[in-house]
PDB file of N, CA and C in Angstrom:
ATOM      1  N   MET A   1       0.841  -1.176   0.000  1.00  0.00           N
ATOM      2  CA  MET A   1       0.000   0.000   0.000  1.00  0.00           C
ATOM      3  C   MET A   1       0.887   1.240   0.000  1.00  0.00           C
ATOM      4  N   ALA A   2       0.605   2.160  -0.862  1.00  0.00           N
ATOM      5  CA  ALA A   2       1.377   3.395  -0.961  1.00  0.00           C
ATOM      6  C   ALA A   2       1.032   4.316   0.205  1.00  0.00           C
ATOM      7  N   PRO A   3       2.031   5.030   0.760  1.00  0.00           N
ATOM      8  CA  PRO A   3       1.738   5.945   1.869  1.00  0.00           C
ATOM      9  C   PRO A   3       0.863   7.104   1.407  1.00  0.00           C
ATOM     10  N   VAL A   4      -0.001   7.547   2.300  1.00  0.00           N
ATOM     11  CA  VAL A   4      -0.902   8.654   1.995  1.00  0.00           C
ATOM     12  C   VAL A   4      -0.150   9.967   2.189  1.00  0.00           C
ATOM     13  N   LYS A   5      -0.233  10.839   1.204  1.00  0.00           N
ATOM     14  CA  LYS A   5       0.441  12.136   1.298  1.00  0.00           C
ATOM     15  C   LYS A   5      -0.326  13.037   2.260  1.00  0.00           C
ATOM     16  N   ARG A   6       0.406  13.635   3.181  1.00  0.00           N
ATOM     17  CA  ARG A   6      -0.201  14.547   4.154  1.00  0.00           C
ATOM     18  C   ARG A   6      -0.419  15.910   3.505  1.00  0.00           C
ATOM     19  N   HIS A   7      -1.503  16.560   3.872  1.00  0.00           N
ATOM     20  CA  HIS A   7      -1.835  17.860   3.302  1.00  0.00           C
ATOM     21  C   HIS A   7      -1.739  18.934   4.379  1.00  0.00           C
ATOM     22  N   ALA A   8      -1.325  20.104   3.987  1.00  0.00           N
ATOM     23  CA  ALA A   8      -1.344  21.273   4.863  1.00  0.00           C
ATOM     24  C   ALA A   8      -2.458  22.182   4.368  1.00  0.00           C
ATOM     25  N   TYR A   9      -3.338  22.551   5.270  1.00  0.00           N
ATOM     26  CA  TYR A   9      -4.485  23.374   4.898  1.00  0.00           C
ATOM     27  C   TYR A   9      -4.318  24.780   5.446  1.00  0.00           C
ATOM     28  N   GLU A  10      -4.792  25.752   4.703  1.00  0.00           N
ATOM     29  CA  GLU A  10      -4.760  27.149   5.121  1.00  0.00           C
ATOM     30  C   GLU A  10      -5.729  27.358   6.285  1.00  0.00           C
ATOM     31  N   ALA A  11      -5.450  28.375   7.094  1.00  0.00           N
ATOM     32  CA  ALA A  11      -6.292  28.676   8.249  1.00  0.00           C
ATOM     33  C   ALA A  11      -7.717  29.017   7.815  1.00  0.00           C
ATOM     34  N   TYR A  12      -7.860  29.736   6.705  1.00  0.00           N
ATOM     35  CA  TYR A  12      -9.191  30.104   6.221  1.00  0.00           C
ATOM     36  C   TYR A  12     -10.006  28.859   5.881  1.00  0.00           C
ATOM     37  N   PHE A  13      -9.366  27.882   5.236  1.00  0.00           N
ATOM     38  CA  PHE A  13     -10.036  26.633   4.877  1.00  0.00           C
ATOM     39  C   PHE A  13     -10.491  25.894   6.136  1.00  0.00           C
ATOM     40  N   LYS A  14      -9.624  25.853   7.141  1.00  0.00           N
ATOM     41  CA  LYS A  14      -9.969  25.176   8.390  1.00  0.00           C
ATOM     42  C   LYS A  14     -11.142  25.856   9.089  1.00  0.00           C
ATOM     43  N   LEU A  15     -11.128  27.191   9.107  1.00  0.00           N
ATOM     44  CA  LEU A  15     -12.228  27.916   9.755  1.00  0.00           C
ATOM     45  C   LEU A  15     -13.554  27.668   9.037  1.00  0.00           C
ATOM     46  N   GLN A  16     -13.517  27.597   7.704  1.00  0.00           N
ATOM     47  CA  GLN A  16     -14.735  27.277   6.955  1.00  0.00           C
ATOM     48  C   GLN A  16     -15.223  25.875   7.314  1.00  0.00           C
ATOM     49  N   ALA A  17     -14.305  24.925   7.389  1.00  0.00           N
ATOM     50  CA  ALA A  17     -14.672  23.554   7.713  1.00  0.00           C
ATOM     51  C   ALA A  17     -15.239  23.453   9.124  1.00  0.00           C
ATOM     52  N   ILE A  18     -14.668  24.190  10.070  1.00  0.00           N
ATOM     53  CA  ILE A  18     -15.163  24.184  11.451  1.00  0.00           C
ATOM     54  C   ILE A  18     -16.571  24.746  11.518  1.00  0.00           C
ATOM     55  N   GLU A  19     -16.785  25.846  10.828  1.00  0.00           N
ATOM     56  CA  GLU A  19     -18.114  26.478  10.822  1.00  0.00           C
ATOM     57  C   GLU A  19     -19.156  25.544  10.202  1.00  0.00           C
ATOM     58  N   TYR A  20     -18.795  24.906   9.089  1.00  0.00           N
ATOM     59  CA  TYR A  20     -19.712  23.986   8.417  1.00  0.00           C
ATOM     60  C   TYR A  20     -19.999  22.776   9.314  1.00  0.00           C
ATOM     61  N   ALA A  21     -18.959  22.281  10.006  1.00  0.00           N
ATOM     62  CA  ALA A  21     -19.129  21.123  10.886  1.00  0.00           C
ATOM     63  C   ALA A  21     -20.006  21.462  12.091  1.00  0.00           C
ATOM     64  N   ALA A  22     -19.909  22.687  12.585  1.00  0.00           N
ATOM     65  CA  ALA A  22     -20.738  23.086  13.718  1.00  0.00           C
ATOM     66  C   ALA A  22     -22.218  23.087  13.338  1.00  0.00           C
ATOM     67  N   GLU A  23     -22.502  23.423  12.092  1.00  0.00           N
ATOM     68  CA  GLU A  23     -23.890  23.462  11.628  1.00  0.00           C
ATOM     69  C   GLU A  23     -24.398  22.098  11.175  1.00  0.00           C
ATOM     70  N   ASN A  24     -23.546  21.310  10.500  1.00  0.00           N
ATOM     71  CA  ASN A  24     -24.011  20.086   9.846  1.00  0.00           C
ATOM     72  C   ASN A  24     -23.398  18.794  10.382  1.00  0.00           C
ATOM     73  N   GLY A  25     -22.395  18.888  11.257  1.00  0.00           N
ATOM     74  CA  GLY A  25     -21.749  17.692  11.789  1.00  0.00           C
ATOM     75  C   GLY A  25     -20.423  17.411  11.095  1.00  0.00           C
ATOM     76  N   ASN A  26     -19.590  16.624  11.788  1.00  0.00           N
ATOM     77  CA  ASN A  26     -18.240  16.326  11.277  1.00  0.00           C
ATOM     78  C   ASN A  26     -18.269  15.517   9.984  1.00  0.00           C
ATOM     79  N   ARG A  27     -19.114  14.517   9.924  1.00  0.00           N
ATOM     80  CA  ARG A  27     -19.143  13.641   8.746  1.00  0.00           C
ATOM     81  C   ARG A  27     -19.567  14.408   7.499  1.00  0.00           C
ATOM     82  N   ALA A  28     -20.581  15.269   7.646  1.00  0.00           N
ATOM     83  CA  ALA A  28     -21.052  16.061   6.506  1.00  0.00           C
ATOM     84  C   ALA A  28     -19.973  17.055   6.060  1.00  0.00           C
ATOM     85  N   ALA A  29     -19.271  17.639   7.026  1.00  0.00           N
ATOM     86  CA  ALA A  29     -18.207  18.586   6.679  1.00  0.00           C
ATOM     87  C   ALA A  29     -17.056  17.877   5.979  1.00  0.00           C
ATOM     88  N   ALA A  30     -16.739  16.667   6.427  1.00  0.00           N
ATOM     89  CA  ALA A  30     -15.657  15.904   5.796  1.00  0.00           C
ATOM     90  C   ALA A  30     -15.997  15.595   4.345  1.00  0.00           C
ATOM     91  N   LYS A  31     -17.254  15.215   4.079  1.00  0.00           N
ATOM     92  CA  LYS A  31     -17.665  14.931   2.698  1.00  0.00           C
ATOM     93  C   LYS A  31     -17.684  16.202   1.853  1.00  0.00           C
ATOM     94  N   HIS A  32     -18.189  17.288   2.432  1.00  0.00           N
ATOM     95  CA  HIS A  32     -18.312  18.546   1.704  1.00  0.00           C
ATOM     96  C   HIS A  32     -16.952  19.105   1.300  1.00  0.00           C
ATOM     97  N   PHE A  33     -15.970  19.044   2.205  1.00  0.00           N
ATOM     98  CA  PHE A  33     -14.650  19.608   1.932  1.00  0.00           C
ATOM     99  C   PHE A  33     -13.649  18.571   1.446  1.00  0.00           C
ATOM    100  N   ASN A  34     -14.104  17.329   1.284  1.00  0.00           N
ATOM    101  CA  ASN A  34     -13.274  16.244   0.776  1.00  0.00           C
ATOM    102  C   ASN A  34     -12.008  16.054   1.621  1.00  0.00           C
ATOM    103  N   VAL A  35     -12.208  15.949   2.941  1.00  0.00           N
ATOM    104  CA  VAL A  35     -11.108  15.712   3.884  1.00  0.00           C
ATOM    105  C   VAL A  35     -11.489  14.548   4.788  1.00  0.00           C
ATOM    106  N   ASN A  36     -10.528  14.071   5.548  1.00  0.00           N
ATOM    107  CA  ASN A  36     -10.772  13.012   6.504  1.00  0.00           C
ATOM    108  C   ASN A  36     -11.598  13.560   7.674  1.00  0.00           C
ATOM    109  N   GLU A  37     -12.501  12.750   8.191  1.00  0.00           N
ATOM    110  CA  GLU A  37     -13.358  13.197   9.288  1.00  0.00           C
ATOM    111  C   GLU A  37     -12.544  13.530  10.535  1.00  0.00           C
ATOM    112  N   SER A  38     -11.476  12.788  10.784  1.00  0.00           N
ATOM    113  CA  SER A  38     -10.663  13.050  11.977  1.00  0.00           C
ATOM    114  C   SER A  38      -9.967  14.413  11.886  1.00  0.00           C
ATOM    115  N   MET A  39      -9.616  14.854  10.676  1.00  0.00           N
ATOM    116  CA  MET A  39      -8.995  16.162  10.513  1.00  0.00           C
ATOM    117  C   MET A  39      -9.959  17.251  10.966  1.00  0.00           C
ATOM    118  N   ASP A  40     -11.219  17.105  10.599  1.00  0.00           N
ATOM    119  CA  ASP A  40     -12.221  18.086  10.986  1.00  0.00           C
ATOM    120  C   ASP A  40     -12.437  18.067  12.500  1.00  0.00           C
ATOM    121  N   ARG A  41     -12.470  16.873  13.065  1.00  0.00           N
ATOM    122  CA  ARG A  41     -12.652  16.727  14.509  1.00  0.00           C
ATOM    123  C   ARG A  41     -11.486  17.374  15.262  1.00  0.00           C
ATOM    124  N   ASN A  42     -10.259  17.151  14.789  1.00  0.00           N
ATOM    125  CA  ASN A  42      -9.086  17.735  15.437  1.00  0.00           C
ATOM    126  C   ASN A  42      -9.080  19.258  15.322  1.00  0.00           C
ATOM    127  N   CYS A  43      -9.497  19.780  14.185  1.00  0.00           N
ATOM    128  CA  CYS A  43      -9.566  21.239  14.016  1.00  0.00           C
ATOM    129  C   CYS A  43     -10.558  21.856  14.987  1.00  0.00           C
ATOM    130  N   ARG A  44     -11.703  21.191  15.169  1.00  0.00           N
ATOM    131  CA  ARG A  44     -12.705  21.705  16.112  1.00  0.00           C
ATOM    132  C   ARG A  44     -12.180  21.659  17.544  1.00  0.00           C
ATOM    133  N   LYS A  45     -11.432  20.612  17.884  1.00  0.00           N
ATOM    134  CA  LYS A  45     -10.858  20.494  19.221  1.00  0.00           C
ATOM    135  C   LYS A  45      -9.835  21.603  19.461  1.00  0.00           C
ATOM    136  N   GLN A  46      -8.967  21.849  18.484  1.00  0.00           N
ATOM    137  CA  GLN A  46      -7.976  22.908  18.613  1.00  0.00           C
ATOM    138  C   GLN A  46      -8.643  24.276  18.753  1.00  0.00           C
ATOM    139  N   GLU A  47      -9.738  24.479  18.025  1.00  0.00           N
ATOM    140  CA  GLU A  47     -10.463  25.751  18.112  1.00  0.00           C
ATOM    141  C   GLU A  47     -11.033  25.946  19.514  1.00  0.00           C
ATOM    142  N   SER A  48     -11.569  24.884  20.128  1.00  0.00           N
ATOM    143  CA  SER A  48     -12.110  25.022  21.477  1.00  0.00           C
ATOM    144  C   SER A  48     -11.003  25.302  22.486  1.00  0.00           C
ATOM    145  N   GLU A  49      -9.812  24.724  22.285  1.00  0.00           N
ATOM    146  CA  GLU A  49      -8.684  25.010  23.173  1.00  0.00           C
ATOM    147  C   GLU A  49      -8.237  26.463  23.029  1.00  0.00           C
ATOM    148  N   ARG A  50      -8.202  26.971  21.812  1.00  0.00           N
ATOM    149  CA  ARG A  50      -7.828  28.380  21.605  1.00  0.00           C
ATOM    150  C   ARG A  50      -8.854  29.300  22.255  1.00  0.00           C
ATOM    151  N   ASN A  51     -10.143  28.956  22.157  1.00  0.00           N
ATOM    152  CA  ASN A  51     -11.176  29.777  22.776  1.00  0.00           C
ATOM    153  C   ASN A  51     -11.017  29.791  24.290  1.00  0.00           C
ATOM    154  N   PHE A  52     -10.665  28.646  24.900  1.00  0.00           N
ATOM    155  CA  PHE A  52     -10.456  28.587  26.346  1.00  0.00           C
ATOM    156  C   PHE A  52      -9.308  29.515  26.749  1.00  0.00           C
ATOM    157  N   MET A  53      -8.197  29.446  25.998  1.00  0.00           N
ATOM    158  CA  MET A  53      -7.038  30.284  26.314  1.00  0.00           C
ATOM    159  C   MET A  53      -7.391  31.763  26.167  1.00  0.00           C
ATOM    160  N   ARG A  54      -8.159  32.092  25.124  1.00  0.00           N
ATOM    161  CA  ARG A  54      -8.569  33.478  24.901  1.00  0.00           C
ATOM    162  C   ARG A  54      -9.505  33.953  26.008  1.00  0.00           C
ATOM    163  N   ARG A  55     -10.461  33.114  26.388  1.00  0.00           N
ATOM    164  CA  ARG A  55     -11.468  33.498  27.382  1.00  0.00           C
ATOM    165  C   ARG A  55     -10.825  33.818  28.733  1.00  0.00           C
ATOM    166  N   TRP A  56      -9.812  33.053  29.125  1.00  0.00           N
ATOM    167  CA  TRP A  56      -9.170  33.247  30.423  1.00  0.00           C
ATOM    168  C   TRP A  56      -7.893  34.089  30.321  1.00  0.00           C
ATOM    169  N   HIS A  57      -7.644  34.704  29.162  1.00  0.00           N
ATOM    170  CA  HIS A  57      -6.487  35.579  28.941  1.00  0.00           C
ATOM    171  C   HIS A  57      -5.177  34.870  29.291  1.00  0.00           C
ATOM    172  N   LEU A  58      -5.013  33.668  28.755  1.00  0.00           N
ATOM    173  CA  LEU A  58      -3.817  32.872  28.989  1.00  0.00           C
ATOM    174  C   LEU A  58      -2.979  32.799  27.729  1.00  0.00           C
ATOM    175  N   SER A  59      -1.693  32.572  27.902  1.00  0.00           N
ATOM    176  CA  SER A  59      -0.806  32.368  26.768  1.00  0.00           C
ATOM    177  C   SER A  59       0.213  31.307  27.125  1.00  0.00           C
ATOM    178  N   ILE A  60       0.757  30.651  26.109  1.00  0.00           N
ATOM    179  CA  ILE A  60       1.781  29.646  26.323  1.00  0.00           C
ATOM    180  C   ILE A  60       3.121  30.352  26.263  1.00  0.00           C
ATOM    181  N   ARG A  61       3.890  30.241  27.335  1.00  0.00           N
ATOM    182  CA  ARG A  61       5.172  30.922  27.433  1.00  0.00           C
ATOM    183  C   ARG A  61       6.302  29.906  27.335  1.00  0.00           C
ATOM    184  N   ALA A  62       7.360  30.257  26.638  1.00  0.00           N
ATOM    185  CA  ALA A  62       8.532  29.397  26.503  1.00  0.00           C
ATOM    186  C   ALA A  62       9.599  29.822  27.503  1.00  0.00           C
ATOM    187  N   ARG A  63      10.275  28.846  28.051  1.00  0.00           N
ATOM    188  CA  ARG A  63      11.359  29.125  28.989  1.00  0.00           C
ATOM    189  C   ARG A  63      12.543  29.700  28.215  1.00  0.00           C
ATOM    190  N   THR A  64      13.118  30.767  28.740  1.00  0.00           N
ATOM    191  CA  THR A  64      14.285  31.360  28.084  1.00  0.00           C
ATOM    192  C   THR A  64      15.558  31.113  28.884  1.00  0.00           C
ATOM    193  N   THR A  65      15.454  31.070  30.211  1.00  0.00           N
ATOM    194  CA  THR A  65      16.617  30.793  31.055  1.00  0.00           C
ATOM    195  C   THR A  65      16.196  29.893  32.198  1.00  0.00           C
ATOM    196  N   VAL A  66      17.159  29.218  32.772  1.00  0.00           N
ATOM    197  CA  VAL A  66      16.917  28.407  33.964  1.00  0.00           C
ATOM    198  C   VAL A  66      17.709  29.044  35.085  1.00  0.00           C
ATOM    199  N   ALA A  67      17.010  29.543  36.071  1.00  0.00           N
ATOM    200  CA  ALA A  67      17.673  30.234  37.179  1.00  0.00           C
ATOM    201  C   ALA A  67      17.646  29.342  38.411  1.00  0.00           C
ATOM    202  N   GLN A  68      18.402  28.276  38.374  1.00  0.00           N
ATOM    203  CA  GLN A  68      18.493  27.382  39.525  1.00  0.00           C
ATOM    204  C   GLN A  68      19.814  27.630  40.224  1.00  0.00           C
ATOM    205  N   ARG A  69      19.752  27.719  41.546  1.00  0.00           N
ATOM    206  CA  ARG A  69      20.965  27.942  42.330  1.00  0.00           C
ATOM    207  C   ARG A  69      21.418  26.619  42.925  1.00  0.00           C
ATOM    208  N   LEU A  70      22.715  26.439  42.990  1.00  0.00           N
ATOM    209  CA  LEU A  70      23.252  25.254  43.641  1.00  0.00           C
ATOM    210  C   LEU A  70      23.103  25.415  45.149  1.00  0.00           C
ATOM    211  N   PRO A  71      22.894  24.309  45.885  1.00  0.00           N
ATOM    212  CA  PRO A  71      22.785  24.431  47.337  1.00  0.00           C
ATOM    213  C   PRO A  71      24.093  24.945  47.940  1.00  0.00           C
ATOM    214  N   ALA A  72      24.003  25.544  49.120  1.00  0.00           N
ATOM    215  CA  ALA A  72      25.188  26.116  49.767  1.00  0.00           C
ATOM    216  C   ALA A  72      26.223  25.043  50.087  1.00  0.00           C
ATOM    217  N   ASP A  73      25.762  23.836  50.425  1.00  0.00           N
ATOM    218  CA  ASP A  73      26.691  22.764  50.788  1.00  0.00           C
ATOM    219  C   ASP A  73      27.010  21.847  49.602  1.00  0.00           C
ATOM    220  N   TYR A  74      26.960  22.375  48.417  1.00  0.00           N
ATOM    221  CA  TYR A  74      27.201  21.581  47.212  1.00  0.00           C
ATOM    222  C   TYR A  74      28.575  20.905  47.181  1.00  0.00           C
ATOM    223  N   PRO A  75      29.673  21.611  47.479  1.00  0.00           N
ATOM    224  CA  PRO A  75      30.987  20.939  47.424  1.00  0.00           C
ATOM    225  C   PRO A  75      31.080  19.733  48.365  1.00  0.00           C
ATOM    226  N   GLU A  76      30.522  19.870  49.594  1.00  0.00           N
ATOM    227  CA  GLU A  76      30.564  18.748  50.542  1.00  0.00           C
ATOM    228  C   GLU A  76      29.733  17.572  50.034  1.00  0.00           C
ATOM    229  N   ARG A  77      28.543  17.870  49.517  1.00  0.00           N
ATOM    230  CA  ARG A  77      27.683  16.800  48.980  1.00  0.00           C
ATOM    231  C   ARG A  77      28.344  16.084  47.814  1.00  0.00           C
ATOM    232  N   ALA A  78      28.964  16.849  46.926  1.00  0.00           N
ATOM    233  CA  ALA A  78      29.622  16.261  45.766  1.00  0.00           C
ATOM    234  C   ALA A  78      30.774  15.365  46.193  1.00  0.00           C
ATOM    235  N   ALA A  79      31.533  15.792  47.214  1.00  0.00           N
ATOM    236  CA  ALA A  79      32.662  14.998  47.690  1.00  0.00           C
ATOM    237  C   ALA A  79      32.191  13.714  48.362  1.00  0.00           C
ATOM    238  N   ILE A  80      31.105  13.790  49.113  1.00  0.00           N
ATOM    239  CA  ILE A  80      30.589  12.610  49.817  1.00  0.00           C
ATOM    240  C   ILE A  80      29.988  11.614  48.838  1.00  0.00           C
ATOM    241  N   SER A  81      29.222  12.092  47.868  1.00  0.00           N
ATOM    242  CA  SER A  81      28.505  11.186  46.975  1.00  0.00           C
ATOM    243  C   SER A  81      29.351  10.635  45.838  1.00  0.00           C
ATOM    244  N   ALA A  82      30.561  11.153  45.650  1.00  0.00           N
ATOM    245  CA  ALA A  82      31.413  10.659  44.569  1.00  0.00           C
ATOM    246  C   ALA A  82      32.096   9.369  45.021  1.00  0.00           C
ATOM    247  N   PRO A  83      31.663   8.216  44.498  1.00  0.00           N
ATOM    248  CA  PRO A  83      32.287   6.957  44.916  1.00  0.00           C
ATOM    249  C   PRO A  83      33.686   6.817  44.324  1.00  0.00           C
ATOM    250  N   SER A  84      34.525   6.126  45.047  1.00  0.00           N
ATOM    251  CA  SER A  84      35.888   5.944  44.567  1.00  0.00           C
ATOM    252  C   SER A  84      35.970   4.815  43.548  1.00  0.00           C
ATOM    253  N   HIS A  85      35.030   3.873  43.611  1.00  0.00           N
ATOM    254  CA  HIS A  85      35.059   2.743  42.695  1.00  0.00           C
ATOM    255  C   HIS A  85      33.619   2.447  42.250  1.00  0.00           C
ATOM    256  N   ILE A  86      33.323   2.603  40.968  1.00  0.00           N
ATOM    257  CA  ILE A  86      31.962   2.416  40.458  1.00  0.00           C
ATOM    258  C   ILE A  86      31.915   1.130  39.643  1.00  0.00           C
ATOM    259  N   THR A  87      30.954   0.275  39.964  1.00  0.00           N
ATOM    260  CA  THR A  87      30.722  -0.940  39.179  1.00  0.00           C
ATOM    261  C   THR A  87      29.246  -1.044  38.850  1.00  0.00           C
ATOM    262  N   ASN A  88      28.938  -1.735  37.788  1.00  0.00           N
ATOM    263  CA  ASN A  88      27.547  -1.941  37.355  1.00  0.00           C
ATOM    264  C   ASN A  88      26.781  -0.626  37.234  1.00  0.00           C
ATOM    265  N   MET A  89      27.344   0.320  36.564  1.00  0.00           N
ATOM    266  CA  MET A  89      26.713   1.632  36.408  1.00  0.00           C
ATOM    267  C   MET A  89      25.383   1.537  35.683  1.00  0.00           C
ATOM    268  N   ASN A  90      25.215   0.539  34.818  1.00  0.00           N
ATOM    269  CA  ASN A  90      23.975   0.442  34.069  1.00  0.00           C
ATOM    270  C   ASN A  90      22.808  -0.052  34.916  1.00  0.00           C
ATOM    271  N   GLU A  91      23.031  -0.441  36.145  1.00  0.00           N
ATOM    272  CA  GLU A  91      21.960  -0.956  37.000  1.00  0.00           C
ATOM    273  C   GLU A  91      21.561   0.018  38.096  1.00  0.00           C
ATOM    274  N   ILE A  92      22.135   1.195  38.112  1.00  0.00           N
ATOM    275  CA  ILE A  92      21.815   2.172  39.151  1.00  0.00           C
ATOM    276  C   ILE A  92      20.640   3.021  38.674  1.00  0.00           C
ATOM    277  N   PRO A  93      19.509   3.008  39.418  1.00  0.00           N
ATOM    278  CA  PRO A  93      18.373   3.840  38.991  1.00  0.00           C
ATOM    279  C   PRO A  93      18.654   5.317  39.258  1.00  0.00           C
ATOM    280  N   LEU A  94      18.395   6.128  38.271  1.00  0.00           N
ATOM    281  CA  LEU A  94      18.587   7.564  38.400  1.00  0.00           C
ATOM    282  C   LEU A  94      17.287   8.278  38.084  1.00  0.00           C
ATOM    283  N   THR A  95      17.019   9.328  38.807  1.00  0.00           N
ATOM    284  CA  THR A  95      15.868  10.169  38.492  1.00  0.00           C
ATOM    285  C   THR A  95      16.377  11.562  38.178  1.00  0.00           C
ATOM    286  N   PHE A  96      15.778  12.159  37.188  1.00  0.00           N
ATOM    287  CA  PHE A  96      16.171  13.493  36.774  1.00  0.00           C
ATOM    288  C   PHE A  96      14.967  14.413  36.894  1.00  0.00           C
ATOM    289  N   ASP A  97      15.211  15.571  37.440  1.00  0.00           N
ATOM    290  CA  ASP A  97      14.163  16.576  37.538  1.00  0.00           C
ATOM    291  C   ASP A  97      14.426  17.608  36.458  1.00  0.00           C
ATOM    292  N   ILE A  98      13.825  17.398  35.303  1.00  0.00           N
ATOM    293  CA  ILE A  98      14.042  18.283  34.172  1.00  0.00           C
ATOM    294  C   ILE A  98      12.865  19.247  34.086  1.00  0.00           C
ATOM    295  N   PRO A  99      13.106  20.548  34.222  1.00  0.00           N
ATOM    296  CA  PRO A  99      12.002  21.502  34.131  1.00  0.00           C
ATOM    297  C   PRO A  99      11.389  21.517  32.735  1.00  0.00           C
ATOM    298  N   LEU A 100      10.118  21.785  32.675  1.00  0.00           N
ATOM    299  CA  LEU A 100       9.423  21.870  31.392  1.00  0.00           C
ATOM    300  C   LEU A 100       9.924  23.064  30.593  1.00  0.00           C
ATOM    301  N   THR A 101       9.743  22.989  29.288  1.00  0.00           N
ATOM    302  CA  THR A 101      10.191  24.099  28.445  1.00  0.00           C
ATOM    303  C   THR A 101       9.091  25.114  28.198  1.00  0.00           C
ATOM    304  N   HIS A 102       7.826  24.750  28.446  1.00  0.00           N
ATOM    305  CA  HIS A 102       6.708  25.664  28.221  1.00  0.00           C
ATOM    306  C   HIS A 102       5.788  25.666  29.438  1.00  0.00           C
ATOM    307  N   THR A 103       5.148  26.774  29.671  1.00  0.00           N
ATOM    308  CA  THR A 103       4.182  26.891  30.749  1.00  0.00           C
ATOM    309  C   THR A 103       3.046  27.800  30.284  1.00  0.00           C
ATOM    310  N   VAL A 104       1.948  27.806  31.008  1.00  0.00           N
ATOM    311  CA  VAL A 104       0.799  28.649  30.683  1.00  0.00           C
ATOM    312  C   VAL A 104       0.715  29.748  31.732  1.00  0.00           C
ATOM    313  N   GLU A 105       0.700  30.984  31.284  1.00  0.00           N
ATOM    314  CA  GLU A 105       0.655  32.141  32.175  1.00  0.00           C
ATOM    315  C   GLU A 105      -0.402  33.125  31.700  1.00  0.00           C
ATOM    316  N   LYS A 106      -0.792  34.031  32.586  1.00  0.00           N
ATOM    317  CA  LYS A 106      -1.690  35.113  32.209  1.00  0.00           C
ATOM    318  C   LYS A 106      -0.995  36.011  31.190  1.00  0.00           C
ATOM    319  N   LYS A 107      -1.763  36.554  30.249  1.00  0.00           N
ATOM    320  CA  LYS A 107      -1.190  37.480  29.269  1.00  0.00           C
ATOM    321  C   LYS A 107      -0.702  38.729  29.976  1.00  0.00           C
ATOM    322  N   GLY A 108       0.435  39.244  29.539  1.00  0.00           N
ATOM    323  CA  GLY A 108       1.003  40.452  30.121  1.00  0.00           C
ATOM    324  C   GLY A 108       1.980  40.186  31.247  1.00  0.00           C
ATOM    325  N   THR A 109       2.100  38.944  31.706  1.00  0.00           N
ATOM    326  CA  THR A 109       3.042  38.612  32.764  1.00  0.00           C
ATOM    327  C   THR A 109       4.454  38.663  32.206  1.00  0.00           C
ATOM    328  N   SER A 110       5.350  39.330  32.933  1.00  0.00           N
ATOM    329  CA  SER A 110       6.717  39.455  32.418  1.00  0.00           C
ATOM    330  C   SER A 110       7.557  38.220  32.704  1.00  0.00           C
ATOM    331  N   THR A 111       7.337  37.570  33.843  1.00  0.00           N
ATOM    332  CA  THR A 111       8.076  36.352  34.150  1.00  0.00           C
ATOM    333  C   THR A 111       7.110  35.301  34.667  1.00  0.00           C
ATOM    334  N   GLY A 112       7.486  34.074  34.486  1.00  0.00           N
ATOM    335  CA  GLY A 112       6.655  32.971  34.977  1.00  0.00           C
ATOM    336  C   GLY A 112       7.545  31.938  35.624  1.00  0.00           C
ATOM    337  N   ALA A 113       7.165  31.484  36.803  1.00  0.00           N
ATOM    338  CA  ALA A 113       7.946  30.485  37.509  1.00  0.00           C
ATOM    339  C   ALA A 113       7.603  29.099  37.015  1.00  0.00           C
ATOM    340  N   ILE A 114       8.621  28.308  36.814  1.00  0.00           N
ATOM    341  CA  ILE A 114       8.442  26.893  36.465  1.00  0.00           C
ATOM    342  C   ILE A 114       8.910  26.105  37.674  1.00  0.00           C
ATOM    343  N   HIS A 115       7.983  25.511  38.400  1.00  0.00           N
ATOM    344  CA  HIS A 115       8.303  24.811  39.634  1.00  0.00           C
ATOM    345  C   HIS A 115       8.839  23.419  39.350  1.00  0.00           C
ATOM    346  N   THR A 116       9.795  23.001  40.160  1.00  0.00           N
ATOM    347  CA  THR A 116      10.345  21.654  40.075  1.00  0.00           C
ATOM    348  C   THR A 116      10.243  21.010  41.451  1.00  0.00           C
ATOM    349  N   THR A 117      10.571  19.744  41.530  1.00  0.00           N
ATOM    350  CA  THR A 117      10.495  19.033  42.803  1.00  0.00           C
ATOM    351  C   THR A 117      11.700  19.334  43.680  1.00  0.00           C
ATOM    352  N   GLY A 118      12.746  19.918  43.123  1.00  0.00           N
ATOM    353  CA  GLY A 118      13.910  20.297  43.916  1.00  0.00           C
ATOM    354  C   GLY A 118      14.957  19.213  44.028  1.00  0.00           C
ATOM    355  N   HIS A 119      14.832  18.148  43.267  1.00  0.00           N
ATOM    356  CA  HIS A 119      15.826  17.069  43.345  1.00  0.00           C
ATOM    357  C   HIS A 119      16.880  17.266  42.298  1.00  0.00           C
TER     358      HIS A 119
END
């Protein structure tokens, strides 16, 4: 079976399809615009998410810097936890606290805190 070519649709086309689907249903809109029904369903879902963000004056913010400070006793901790002889390194469970790259904040906020567990 040959792979199906993916299509990119203009925003105007999507808005027309959403409006038509709201009046006539997803299946009718898919037939009318000659697209897959799931594409129409996903467009309507994305539109409702955008409306929620607009209604509550929220925006998605990207992290630009990470301002984490090392603990005051960092040198002592590093010296204590550094083993002199390491074996079976592939069997040691490790957990990483990686901060997210995006967060949701109120529009107009100059900075947004990204909380971590502190580990």
